[in-house]
Amino acid sequence: EALEMMRVATGDRQHREDADFAFHLAIAEA
């Protein structure tokens, strides 16, 4: 889910800190 959020932002030429953090938090949760 987090990676998909980042993919969409990247396609829109945006950087989303919330998606970035969600990805790294998901690793900790895993």
PDB file of all heavy atoms in Angstrom:
ATOM      1  N   GLU A   1       0.831  -1.198   0.000  1.00  0.00           N
ATOM      2  CA  GLU A   1       0.000   0.000   0.000  1.00  0.00           C
ATOM      3  C   GLU A   1       0.873   1.259   0.000  1.00  0.00           C
ATOM      4  O   GLU A   1       0.625   2.200  -0.753  1.00  0.00           O
ATOM      5  CB  GLU A   1      -0.916   0.001   1.221  1.00  0.00           C
ATOM      6  CG  GLU A   1      -2.038  -1.031   1.136  1.00  0.00           C
ATOM      7  CD  GLU A   1      -2.700  -1.289   2.476  1.00  0.00           C
ATOM      8  OE1 GLU A   1      -2.284  -0.666   3.468  1.00  0.00           O
ATOM      9  OE2 GLU A   1      -3.619  -2.112   2.531  1.00  0.00           O
ATOM     10  N   ALA A   2       1.864   1.258   0.864  1.00  0.00           N
ATOM     11  CA  ALA A   2       2.749   2.424   0.943  1.00  0.00           C
ATOM     12  C   ALA A   2       3.532   2.594  -0.356  1.00  0.00           C
ATOM     13  O   ALA A   2       3.716   3.720  -0.842  1.00  0.00           O
ATOM     14  CB  ALA A   2       3.704   2.269   2.128  1.00  0.00           C
ATOM     15  N   LEU A   3       4.000   1.493  -0.908  1.00  0.00           N
ATOM     16  CA  LEU A   3       4.753   1.565  -2.156  1.00  0.00           C
ATOM     17  C   LEU A   3       3.875   2.084  -3.287  1.00  0.00           C
ATOM     18  O   LEU A   3       4.333   2.868  -4.136  1.00  0.00           O
ATOM     19  CB  LEU A   3       5.314   0.181  -2.513  1.00  0.00           C
ATOM     20  CG  LEU A   3       6.329   0.129  -3.665  1.00  0.00           C
ATOM     21  CD1 LEU A   3       7.585   0.907  -3.306  1.00  0.00           C
ATOM     22  CD2 LEU A   3       6.680  -1.311  -4.000  1.00  0.00           C
ATOM     23  N   GLU A   4       2.610   1.681  -3.298  1.00  0.00           N
ATOM     24  CA  GLU A   4       1.684   2.168  -4.326  1.00  0.00           C
ATOM     25  C   GLU A   4       1.454   3.662  -4.183  1.00  0.00           C
ATOM     26  O   GLU A   4       1.379   4.409  -5.179  1.00  0.00           O
ATOM     27  CB  GLU A   4       0.358   1.418  -4.229  1.00  0.00           C
ATOM     28  CG  GLU A   4      -0.739   1.920  -5.169  1.00  0.00           C
ATOM     29  CD  GLU A   4      -0.413   1.735  -6.638  1.00  0.00           C
ATOM     30  OE1 GLU A   4       0.569   1.033  -6.965  1.00  0.00           O
ATOM     31  OE2 GLU A   4      -1.136   2.307  -7.477  1.00  0.00           O
ATOM     32  N   MET A   5       1.341   4.153  -2.952  1.00  0.00           N
ATOM     33  CA  MET A   5       1.208   5.589  -2.729  1.00  0.00           C
ATOM     34  C   MET A   5       2.413   6.334  -3.292  1.00  0.00           C
ATOM     35  O   MET A   5       2.275   7.391  -3.914  1.00  0.00           O
ATOM     36  CB  MET A   5       1.070   5.867  -1.229  1.00  0.00           C
ATOM     37  CG  MET A   5      -0.245   5.400  -0.616  1.00  0.00           C
ATOM     38  SD  MET A   5      -0.179   5.321   1.202  1.00  0.00           S
ATOM     39  CE  MET A   5       0.142   7.028   1.623  1.00  0.00           C
ATOM     40  N   MET A   6       3.596   5.769  -3.095  1.00  0.00           N
ATOM     41  CA  MET A   6       4.815   6.396  -3.599  1.00  0.00           C
ATOM     42  C   MET A   6       4.867   6.336  -5.122  1.00  0.00           C
ATOM     43  O   MET A   6       5.331   7.271  -5.776  1.00  0.00           O
ATOM     44  CB  MET A   6       6.037   5.714  -2.997  1.00  0.00           C
ATOM     45  CG  MET A   6       6.121   5.842  -1.488  1.00  0.00           C
ATOM     46  SD  MET A   6       7.576   5.035  -0.797  1.00  0.00           S
ATOM     47  CE  MET A   6       8.837   6.179  -1.345  1.00  0.00           C
ATOM     48  N   ARG A   7       4.402   5.217  -5.689  1.00  0.00           N
ATOM     49  CA  ARG A   7       4.407   5.080  -7.148  1.00  0.00           C
ATOM     50  C   ARG A   7       3.534   6.151  -7.786  1.00  0.00           C
ATOM     51  O   ARG A   7       3.930   6.793  -8.775  1.00  0.00           O
ATOM     52  CB  ARG A   7       3.912   3.700  -7.556  1.00  0.00           C
ATOM     53  CG  ARG A   7       3.983   3.434  -9.065  1.00  0.00           C
ATOM     54  CD  ARG A   7       3.200   2.208  -9.460  1.00  0.00           C
ATOM     55  NE  ARG A   7       1.766   2.397  -9.251  1.00  0.00           N
ATOM     56  CZ  ARG A   7       0.981   3.118 -10.060  1.00  0.00           C
ATOM     57  NH1 ARG A   7       1.485   3.718 -11.131  1.00  0.00           N
ATOM     58  NH2 ARG A   7      -0.302   3.239  -9.792  1.00  0.00           N
ATOM     59  N   VAL A   8       2.328   6.355  -7.232  1.00  0.00           N
ATOM     60  CA  VAL A   8       1.425   7.363  -7.775  1.00  0.00           C
ATOM     61  C   VAL A   8       2.031   8.755  -7.645  1.00  0.00           C
ATOM     62  O   VAL A   8       1.992   9.554  -8.588  1.00  0.00           O
ATOM     63  CB  VAL A   8       0.057   7.290  -7.053  1.00  0.00           C
ATOM     64  CG1 VAL A   8      -0.830   8.464  -7.460  1.00  0.00           C
ATOM     65  CG2 VAL A   8      -0.631   5.968  -7.362  1.00  0.00           C
ATOM     66  N   ALA A   9       2.610   9.052  -6.482  1.00  0.00           N
ATOM     67  CA  ALA A   9       3.232  10.374  -6.283  1.00  0.00           C
ATOM     68  C   ALA A   9       4.385  10.578  -7.256  1.00  0.00           C
ATOM     69  O   ALA A   9       4.542  11.658  -7.831  1.00  0.00           O
ATOM     70  CB  ALA A   9       3.720  10.501  -4.841  1.00  0.00           C
ATOM     71  N   THR A  10       5.192   9.547  -7.452  1.00  0.00           N
ATOM     72  CA  THR A  10       6.319   9.651  -8.380  1.00  0.00           C
ATOM     73  C   THR A  10       5.825   9.915  -9.794  1.00  0.00           C
ATOM     74  O   THR A  10       6.388  10.742 -10.529  1.00  0.00           O
ATOM     75  CB  THR A  10       7.161   8.362  -8.350  1.00  0.00           C
ATOM     76  OG1 THR A  10       7.668   8.166  -7.022  1.00  0.00           O
ATOM     77  CG2 THR A  10       8.332   8.444  -9.319  1.00  0.00           C
ATOM     78  N   GLY A  11       4.742   9.207 -10.194  1.00  0.00           N
ATOM     79  CA  GLY A  11       4.169   9.436 -11.519  1.00  0.00           C
ATOM     80  C   GLY A  11       3.656  10.851 -11.695  1.00  0.00           C
ATOM     81  O   GLY A  11       3.677  11.402 -12.799  1.00  0.00           O
ATOM     82  N   ASP A  12       3.209  11.451 -10.587  1.00  0.00           N
ATOM     83  CA  ASP A  12       2.727  12.836 -10.616  1.00  0.00           C
ATOM     84  C   ASP A  12       3.850  13.843 -10.363  1.00  0.00           C
ATOM     85  O   ASP A  12       3.579  15.039 -10.186  1.00  0.00           O
ATOM     86  CB  ASP A  12       1.633  13.035  -9.556  1.00  0.00           C
ATOM     87  CG  ASP A  12       0.365  12.266  -9.886  1.00  0.00           C
ATOM     88  OD1 ASP A  12       0.165  11.924 -11.064  1.00  0.00           O
ATOM     89  OD2 ASP A  12      -0.416  11.982  -8.946  1.00  0.00           O
ATOM     90  N   ARG A  13       5.090  13.348 -10.308  1.00  0.00           N
ATOM     91  CA  ARG A  13       6.273  14.186 -10.042  1.00  0.00           C
ATOM     92  C   ARG A  13       6.146  14.922  -8.710  1.00  0.00           C
ATOM     93  O   ARG A  13       6.389  16.121  -8.605  1.00  0.00           O
ATOM     94  CB  ARG A  13       6.507  15.170 -11.193  1.00  0.00           C
ATOM     95  CG  ARG A  13       6.786  14.480 -12.517  1.00  0.00           C
ATOM     96  CD  ARG A  13       7.216  15.446 -13.597  1.00  0.00           C
ATOM     97  NE  ARG A  13       7.494  14.739 -14.845  1.00  0.00           N
ATOM     98  CZ  ARG A  13       7.968  15.312 -15.944  1.00  0.00           C
ATOM     99  NH1 ARG A  13       8.202  16.622 -15.947  1.00  0.00           N
ATOM    100  NH2 ARG A  13       8.188  14.606 -17.025  1.00  0.00           N
ATOM    101  N   GLN A  14       5.743  14.149  -7.714  1.00  0.00           N
ATOM    102  CA  GLN A  14       5.623  14.675  -6.357  1.00  0.00           C
ATOM    103  C   GLN A  14       6.402  13.776  -5.402  1.00  0.00           C
ATOM    104  O   GLN A  14       6.649  12.604  -5.693  1.00  0.00           O
ATOM    105  CB  GLN A  14       4.154  14.714  -5.914  1.00  0.00           C
ATOM    106  CG  GLN A  14       3.270  15.616  -6.743  1.00  0.00           C
ATOM    107  CD  GLN A  14       1.824  15.553  -6.296  1.00  0.00           C
ATOM    108  OE1 GLN A  14       1.452  14.736  -5.460  1.00  0.00           O
ATOM    109  NE2 GLN A  14       0.995  16.421  -6.838  1.00  0.00           N
ATOM    110  N   HIS A  15       6.774  14.350  -4.276  1.00  0.00           N
ATOM    111  CA  HIS A  15       7.355  13.554  -3.197  1.00  0.00           C
ATOM    112  C   HIS A  15       6.451  13.705  -1.981  1.00  0.00           C
ATOM    113  O   HIS A  15       6.188  14.816  -1.524  1.00  0.00           O
ATOM    114  CB  HIS A  15       8.770  14.003  -2.839  1.00  0.00           C
ATOM    115  CG  HIS A  15       9.387  13.177  -1.756  1.00  0.00           C
ATOM    116  ND1 HIS A  15       9.275  13.501  -0.425  1.00  0.00           N
ATOM    117  CD2 HIS A  15      10.090  12.023  -1.811  1.00  0.00           C
ATOM    118  CE1 HIS A  15       9.902  12.585   0.308  1.00  0.00           C
ATOM    119  NE2 HIS A  15      10.404  11.685  -0.516  1.00  0.00           N
ATOM    120  N   ARG A  16       5.963  12.574  -1.472  1.00  0.00           N
ATOM    121  CA  ARG A  16       5.048  12.600  -0.333  1.00  0.00           C
ATOM    122  C   ARG A  16       5.732  12.006   0.885  1.00  0.00           C
ATOM    123  O   ARG A  16       6.031  10.811   0.920  1.00  0.00           O
ATOM    124  CB  ARG A  16       3.779  11.821  -0.661  1.00  0.00           C
ATOM    125  CG  ARG A  16       2.885  12.505  -1.683  1.00  0.00           C
ATOM    126  CD  ARG A  16       1.577  11.777  -1.816  1.00  0.00           C
ATOM    127  NE  ARG A  16       0.998  11.481  -0.516  1.00  0.00           N
ATOM    128  CZ  ARG A  16      -0.096  10.750  -0.367  1.00  0.00           C
ATOM    129  NH1 ARG A  16      -0.711  10.261  -1.413  1.00  0.00           N
ATOM    130  NH2 ARG A  16      -0.576  10.499   0.842  1.00  0.00           N
ATOM    131  N   GLU A  17       5.967  12.887   1.875  1.00  0.00           N
ATOM    132  CA  GLU A  17       6.627  12.407   3.086  1.00  0.00           C
ATOM    133  C   GLU A  17       5.767  11.394   3.832  1.00  0.00           C
ATOM    134  O   GLU A  17       6.296  10.469   4.446  1.00  0.00           O
ATOM    135  CB  GLU A  17       6.954  13.584   4.025  1.00  0.00           C
ATOM    136  CG  GLU A  17       8.018  14.525   3.492  1.00  0.00           C
ATOM    137  CD  GLU A  17       7.477  15.521   2.483  1.00  0.00           C
ATOM    138  OE1 GLU A  17       6.352  16.035   2.676  1.00  0.00           O
ATOM    139  OE2 GLU A  17       8.160  15.767   1.480  1.00  0.00           O
ATOM    140  N   ASP A  18       4.430  11.548   3.781  1.00  0.00           N
ATOM    141  CA  ASP A  18       3.569  10.607   4.494  1.00  0.00           C
ATOM    142  C   ASP A  18       3.678   9.206   3.901  1.00  0.00           C
ATOM    143  O   ASP A  18       3.735   8.206   4.633  1.00  0.00           O
ATOM    144  CB  ASP A  18       2.129  11.082   4.506  1.00  0.00           C
ATOM    145  CG  ASP A  18       1.520  11.225   3.117  1.00  0.00           C
ATOM    146  OD1 ASP A  18       2.287  11.399   2.143  1.00  0.00           O
ATOM    147  OD2 ASP A  18       0.283  11.163   2.999  1.00  0.00           O
ATOM    148  N   ALA A  19       3.746   9.114   2.569  1.00  0.00           N
ATOM    149  CA  ALA A  19       3.897   7.806   1.926  1.00  0.00           C
ATOM    150  C   ALA A  19       5.271   7.214   2.219  1.00  0.00           C
ATOM    151  O   ALA A  19       5.408   6.009   2.466  1.00  0.00           O
ATOM    152  CB  ALA A  19       3.682   7.939   0.423  1.00  0.00           C
ATOM    153  N   ASP A  20       6.289   8.067   2.194  1.00  0.00           N
ATOM    154  CA  ASP A  20       7.653   7.616   2.480  1.00  0.00           C
ATOM    155  C   ASP A  20       7.732   7.051   3.894  1.00  0.00           C
ATOM    156  O   ASP A  20       8.266   5.955   4.131  1.00  0.00           O
ATOM    157  CB  ASP A  20       8.607   8.802   2.309  1.00  0.00           C
ATOM    158  CG  ASP A  20      10.055   8.371   2.122  1.00  0.00           C
ATOM    159  OD1 ASP A  20      10.370   7.179   2.324  1.00  0.00           O
ATOM    160  OD2 ASP A  20      10.875   9.230   1.763  1.00  0.00           O
ATOM    161  N   PHE A  21       7.179   7.792   4.850  1.00  0.00           N
ATOM    162  CA  PHE A  21       7.215   7.314   6.230  1.00  0.00           C
ATOM    163  C   PHE A  21       6.386   6.043   6.388  1.00  0.00           C
ATOM    164  O   PHE A  21       6.790   5.120   7.107  1.00  0.00           O
ATOM    165  CB  PHE A  21       6.701   8.380   7.195  1.00  0.00           C
ATOM    166  CG  PHE A  21       6.756   7.937   8.633  1.00  0.00           C
ATOM    167  CD1 PHE A  21       7.932   8.021   9.351  1.00  0.00           C
ATOM    168  CD2 PHE A  21       5.635   7.421   9.263  1.00  0.00           C
ATOM    169  CE1 PHE A  21       8.004   7.591  10.670  1.00  0.00           C
ATOM    170  CE2 PHE A  21       5.690   6.989  10.573  1.00  0.00           C
ATOM    171  CZ  PHE A  21       6.884   7.067  11.286  1.00  0.00           C
ATOM    172  N   ALA A  22       5.230   5.995   5.730  1.00  0.00           N
ATOM    173  CA  ALA A  22       4.387   4.797   5.817  1.00  0.00           C
ATOM    174  C   ALA A  22       5.146   3.563   5.351  1.00  0.00           C
ATOM    175  O   ALA A  22       4.996   2.477   5.926  1.00  0.00           O
ATOM    176  CB  ALA A  22       3.127   4.987   4.976  1.00  0.00           C
ATOM    177  N   PHE A  23       5.971   3.719   4.324  1.00  0.00           N
ATOM    178  CA  PHE A  23       6.754   2.595   3.825  1.00  0.00           C
ATOM    179  C   PHE A  23       7.752   2.113   4.874  1.00  0.00           C
ATOM    180  O   PHE A  23       7.848   0.919   5.170  1.00  0.00           O
ATOM    181  CB  PHE A  23       7.502   3.012   2.549  1.00  0.00           C
ATOM    182  CG  PHE A  23       8.339   1.922   1.947  1.00  0.00           C
ATOM    183  CD1 PHE A  23       7.788   1.015   1.050  1.00  0.00           C
ATOM    184  CD2 PHE A  23       9.683   1.802   2.272  1.00  0.00           C
ATOM    185  CE1 PHE A  23       8.556   0.005   0.490  1.00  0.00           C
ATOM    186  CE2 PHE A  23      10.462   0.798   1.721  1.00  0.00           C
ATOM    187  CZ  PHE A  23       9.896  -0.112   0.826  1.00  0.00           C
ATOM    188  N   HIS A  24       8.490   3.037   5.453  1.00  0.00           N
ATOM    189  CA  HIS A  24       9.510   2.651   6.435  1.00  0.00           C
ATOM    190  C   HIS A  24       8.858   2.117   7.719  1.00  0.00           C
ATOM    191  O   HIS A  24       9.397   1.212   8.359  1.00  0.00           O
ATOM    192  CB  HIS A  24      10.426   3.835   6.725  1.00  0.00           C
ATOM    193  CG  HIS A  24      11.354   4.136   5.584  1.00  0.00           C
ATOM    194  ND1 HIS A  24      12.604   3.566   5.466  1.00  0.00           N
ATOM    195  CD2 HIS A  24      11.204   4.931   4.493  1.00  0.00           C
ATOM    196  CE1 HIS A  24      13.182   3.999   4.363  1.00  0.00           C
ATOM    197  NE2 HIS A  24      12.354   4.834   3.751  1.00  0.00           N
ATOM    198  N   LEU A  25       7.710   2.683   8.093  1.00  0.00           N
ATOM    199  CA  LEU A  25       6.987   2.159   9.256  1.00  0.00           C
ATOM    200  C   LEU A  25       6.488   0.746   8.976  1.00  0.00           C
ATOM    201  O   LEU A  25       6.512  -0.114   9.873  1.00  0.00           O
ATOM    202  CB  LEU A  25       5.817   3.071   9.608  1.00  0.00           C
ATOM    203  CG  LEU A  25       4.954   2.630  10.794  1.00  0.00           C
ATOM    204  CD1 LEU A  25       5.775   2.590  12.086  1.00  0.00           C
ATOM    205  CD2 LEU A  25       3.754   3.562  10.961  1.00  0.00           C
ATOM    206  N   ALA A  26       6.041   0.488   7.755  1.00  0.00           N
ATOM    207  CA  ALA A  26       5.552  -0.847   7.393  1.00  0.00           C
ATOM    208  C   ALA A  26       6.653  -1.892   7.536  1.00  0.00           C
ATOM    209  O   ALA A  26       6.388  -3.045   7.892  1.00  0.00           O
ATOM    210  CB  ALA A  26       4.996  -0.842   5.977  1.00  0.00           C
ATOM    211  N   ILE A  27       7.892  -1.510   7.255  1.00  0.00           N
ATOM    212  CA  ILE A  27       9.008  -2.439   7.449  1.00  0.00           C
ATOM    213  C   ILE A  27       9.148  -2.776   8.928  1.00  0.00           C
ATOM    214  O   ILE A  27       9.309  -3.941   9.317  1.00  0.00           O
ATOM    215  CB  ILE A  27      10.318  -1.838   6.909  1.00  0.00           C
ATOM    216  CG1 ILE A  27      10.241  -1.678   5.387  1.00  0.00           C
ATOM    217  CG2 ILE A  27      11.521  -2.711   7.291  1.00  0.00           C
ATOM    218  CD1 ILE A  27      11.438  -0.959   4.787  1.00  0.00           C
ATOM    219  N   ALA A  28       9.079  -1.741   9.774  1.00  0.00           N
ATOM    220  CA  ALA A  28       9.174  -1.968  11.218  1.00  0.00           C
ATOM    221  C   ALA A  28       8.043  -2.862  11.696  1.00  0.00           C
ATOM    222  O   ALA A  28       8.250  -3.778  12.510  1.00  0.00           O
ATOM    223  CB  ALA A  28       9.165  -0.636  11.960  1.00  0.00           C
ATOM    224  N   GLU A  29       6.834  -2.634  11.190  1.00  0.00           N
ATOM    225  CA  GLU A  29       5.700  -3.459  11.588  1.00  0.00           C
ATOM    226  C   GLU A  29       5.876  -4.904  11.136  1.00  0.00           C
ATOM    227  O   GLU A  29       5.525  -5.846  11.861  1.00  0.00           O
ATOM    228  CB  GLU A  29       4.412  -2.875  10.996  1.00  0.00           C
ATOM    229  CG  GLU A  29       4.010  -1.543  11.617  1.00  0.00           C
ATOM    230  CD  GLU A  29       2.849  -0.883  10.915  1.00  0.00           C
ATOM    231  OE1 GLU A  29       2.609  -1.196   9.725  1.00  0.00           O
ATOM    232  OE2 GLU A  29       2.172  -0.048  11.547  1.00  0.00           O
ATOM    233  N   ALA A  30       6.464  -5.094   9.956  1.00  0.00           N
ATOM    234  CA  ALA A  30       6.679  -6.449   9.439  1.00  0.00           C
ATOM    235  C   ALA A  30       7.735  -7.204  10.239  1.00  0.00           C
ATOM    236  O   ALA A  30       7.797  -8.439  10.180  1.00  0.00           O
ATOM    237  CB  ALA A  30       7.091  -6.394   7.971  1.00  0.00           C
TER     238      ALA A  30
END
